[in-house]
Amino acid sequence: MQVTDLDYYDKILLGITGSVLGGVVLGAVSSLAIHVGAFLGALVATLFVYAGAFRNPPLPETQATVKAAVVVWHVVLLVTAFVILS
């Protein structure tokens, strides 16, 4: 399978995985703590989640439960950022 054979959403999943793993590697090889690197990777992965869920959604209309899950995810992410950075 060539990279050009991947579907749009396959590439989104690879972007999410690569972002989080890249953040962990960044934390492991730099002076950052691993959990800070993972957090930074999660921030980047959020852009891929946005692109896949809202910018180019697989369904014509995003359901309210999906929107609620995304809001909860961002609240957890912001609370985690506050805890880590304070």
C-alpha atoms as a PDB file:
ATOM      1  CA  MET A   1       0.000   0.000   0.000  1.00  0.00           C
ATOM      2  CA  GLN A   2       1.381   3.371  -0.975  1.00  0.00           C
ATOM      3  CA  VAL A   3       0.781   6.538   0.999  1.00  0.00           C
ATOM      4  CA  THR A   4      -1.266   7.860  -1.909  1.00  0.00           C
ATOM      5  CA  ASP A   5      -3.680   4.954  -1.410  1.00  0.00           C
ATOM      6  CA  LEU A   6      -4.646   6.210   2.033  1.00  0.00           C
ATOM      7  CA  ASP A   7      -8.053   7.761   2.541  1.00  0.00           C
ATOM      8  CA  TYR A   8      -8.366  11.267   3.967  1.00  0.00           C
ATOM      9  CA  TYR A   9      -9.416   9.942   7.360  1.00  0.00           C
ATOM     10  CA  ASP A  10      -6.537   7.455   7.401  1.00  0.00           C
ATOM     11  CA  LYS A  11      -4.205  10.410   7.029  1.00  0.00           C
ATOM     12  CA  ILE A  12      -6.026  12.212   9.844  1.00  0.00           C
ATOM     13  CA  LEU A  13      -5.518   9.187  12.111  1.00  0.00           C
ATOM     14  CA  LEU A  14      -1.841   9.062  11.175  1.00  0.00           C
ATOM     15  CA  GLY A  15      -1.557  12.767  11.969  1.00  0.00           C
ATOM     16  CA  ILE A  16      -3.142  12.287  15.393  1.00  0.00           C
ATOM     17  CA  THR A  17      -0.915   9.314  16.204  1.00  0.00           C
ATOM     18  CA  GLY A  18       2.208  11.016  14.885  1.00  0.00           C
ATOM     19  CA  SER A  19       1.498  14.181  16.860  1.00  0.00           C
ATOM     20  CA  VAL A  20       1.093  12.407  20.173  1.00  0.00           C
ATOM     21  CA  LEU A  21       4.079  10.117  19.584  1.00  0.00           C
ATOM     22  CA  GLY A  22       6.142  13.072  18.397  1.00  0.00           C
ATOM     23  CA  GLY A  23       5.297  14.918  21.590  1.00  0.00           C
ATOM     24  CA  VAL A  24       6.350  11.959  23.716  1.00  0.00           C
ATOM     25  CA  VAL A  25       9.618  11.648  21.776  1.00  0.00           C
ATOM     26  CA  LEU A  26      10.172  15.396  22.175  1.00  0.00           C
ATOM     27  CA  GLY A  27       9.740  15.010  25.924  1.00  0.00           C
ATOM     28  CA  ALA A  28      12.091  12.036  25.997  1.00  0.00           C
ATOM     29  CA  VAL A  29      14.954  13.622  24.044  1.00  0.00           C
ATOM     30  CA  SER A  30      14.730  17.211  25.282  1.00  0.00           C
ATOM     31  CA  SER A  31      14.742  18.929  28.633  1.00  0.00           C
ATOM     32  CA  LEU A  32      10.936  18.827  28.687  1.00  0.00           C
ATOM     33  CA  ALA A  33       9.213  16.247  30.846  1.00  0.00           C
ATOM     34  CA  ILE A  34       7.554  13.432  28.916  1.00  0.00           C
ATOM     35  CA  HIS A  35       4.084  14.434  30.117  1.00  0.00           C
ATOM     36  CA  VAL A  36       4.662  17.992  28.864  1.00  0.00           C
ATOM     37  CA  GLY A  37       5.757  16.635  25.484  1.00  0.00           C
ATOM     38  CA  ALA A  38       2.698  14.384  25.360  1.00  0.00           C
ATOM     39  CA  PHE A  39       0.523  17.376  26.184  1.00  0.00           C
ATOM     40  CA  LEU A  40       2.091  19.422  23.381  1.00  0.00           C
ATOM     41  CA  GLY A  41       1.531  16.494  21.022  1.00  0.00           C
ATOM     42  CA  ALA A  42      -2.108  16.347  22.130  1.00  0.00           C
ATOM     43  CA  LEU A  43      -2.477  20.044  21.342  1.00  0.00           C
ATOM     44  CA  VAL A  44      -1.232  19.433  17.808  1.00  0.00           C
ATOM     45  CA  ALA A  45      -3.428  16.319  17.513  1.00  0.00           C
ATOM     46  CA  THR A  46      -6.412  18.499  18.378  1.00  0.00           C
ATOM     47  CA  LEU A  47      -5.925  20.293  15.061  1.00  0.00           C
ATOM     48  CA  PHE A  48      -6.256  16.977  13.231  1.00  0.00           C
ATOM     49  CA  VAL A  49      -9.364  16.092  15.267  1.00  0.00           C
ATOM     50  CA  TYR A  50     -10.867  19.456  14.319  1.00  0.00           C
ATOM     51  CA  ALA A  51     -10.071  18.898  10.639  1.00  0.00           C
ATOM     52  CA  GLY A  52     -11.559  15.403  10.621  1.00  0.00           C
ATOM     53  CA  ALA A  53     -14.613  16.082  12.756  1.00  0.00           C
ATOM     54  CA  PHE A  54     -15.660  19.616  11.828  1.00  0.00           C
ATOM     55  CA  ARG A  55     -13.806  21.013   8.829  1.00  0.00           C
ATOM     56  CA  ASN A  56     -14.395  17.931   6.643  1.00  0.00           C
ATOM     57  CA  PRO A  57     -16.816  15.755   8.597  1.00  0.00           C
ATOM     58  CA  PRO A  58     -17.568  12.232   7.398  1.00  0.00           C
ATOM     59  CA  LEU A  59     -21.283  12.856   7.895  1.00  0.00           C
ATOM     60  CA  PRO A  60     -23.332  15.738   6.488  1.00  0.00           C
ATOM     61  CA  GLU A  61     -24.139  17.045   9.970  1.00  0.00           C
ATOM     62  CA  THR A  62     -22.265  16.600  13.233  1.00  0.00           C
ATOM     63  CA  GLN A  63     -24.431  15.138  15.971  1.00  0.00           C
ATOM     64  CA  ALA A  64     -24.887  16.970  19.267  1.00  0.00           C
ATOM     65  CA  THR A  65     -23.189  14.147  21.184  1.00  0.00           C
ATOM     66  CA  VAL A  66     -20.069  14.483  19.027  1.00  0.00           C
ATOM     67  CA  LYS A  67     -20.003  18.231  19.570  1.00  0.00           C
ATOM     68  CA  ALA A  68     -20.382  17.679  23.317  1.00  0.00           C
ATOM     69  CA  ALA A  69     -17.528  15.164  23.313  1.00  0.00           C
ATOM     70  CA  VAL A  70     -15.263  17.646  21.549  1.00  0.00           C
ATOM     71  CA  VAL A  71     -16.158  20.378  24.043  1.00  0.00           C
ATOM     72  CA  VAL A  72     -15.433  18.026  26.954  1.00  0.00           C
ATOM     73  CA  TRP A  73     -12.106  17.036  25.342  1.00  0.00           C
ATOM     74  CA  HIS A  74     -11.046  20.680  25.088  1.00  0.00           C
ATOM     75  CA  VAL A  75     -12.082  21.419  28.665  1.00  0.00           C
ATOM     76  CA  VAL A  76     -10.025  18.449  29.886  1.00  0.00           C
ATOM     77  CA  LEU A  77      -7.113  19.592  27.737  1.00  0.00           C
ATOM     78  CA  LEU A  78      -7.265  23.143  29.115  1.00  0.00           C
ATOM     79  CA  VAL A  79      -7.561  21.951  32.726  1.00  0.00           C
ATOM     80  CA  THR A  80      -4.599  19.633  32.161  1.00  0.00           C
ATOM     81  CA  ALA A  81      -2.612  22.515  30.691  1.00  0.00           C
ATOM     82  CA  PHE A  82      -3.442  24.677  33.697  1.00  0.00           C
ATOM     83  CA  VAL A  83      -2.378  21.945  36.123  1.00  0.00           C
ATOM     84  CA  ILE A  84       0.850  21.196  34.264  1.00  0.00           C
ATOM     85  CA  LEU A  85       1.858  24.799  33.705  1.00  0.00           C
ATOM     86  CA  SER A  86       0.988  26.123  37.142  1.00  0.00           C
END
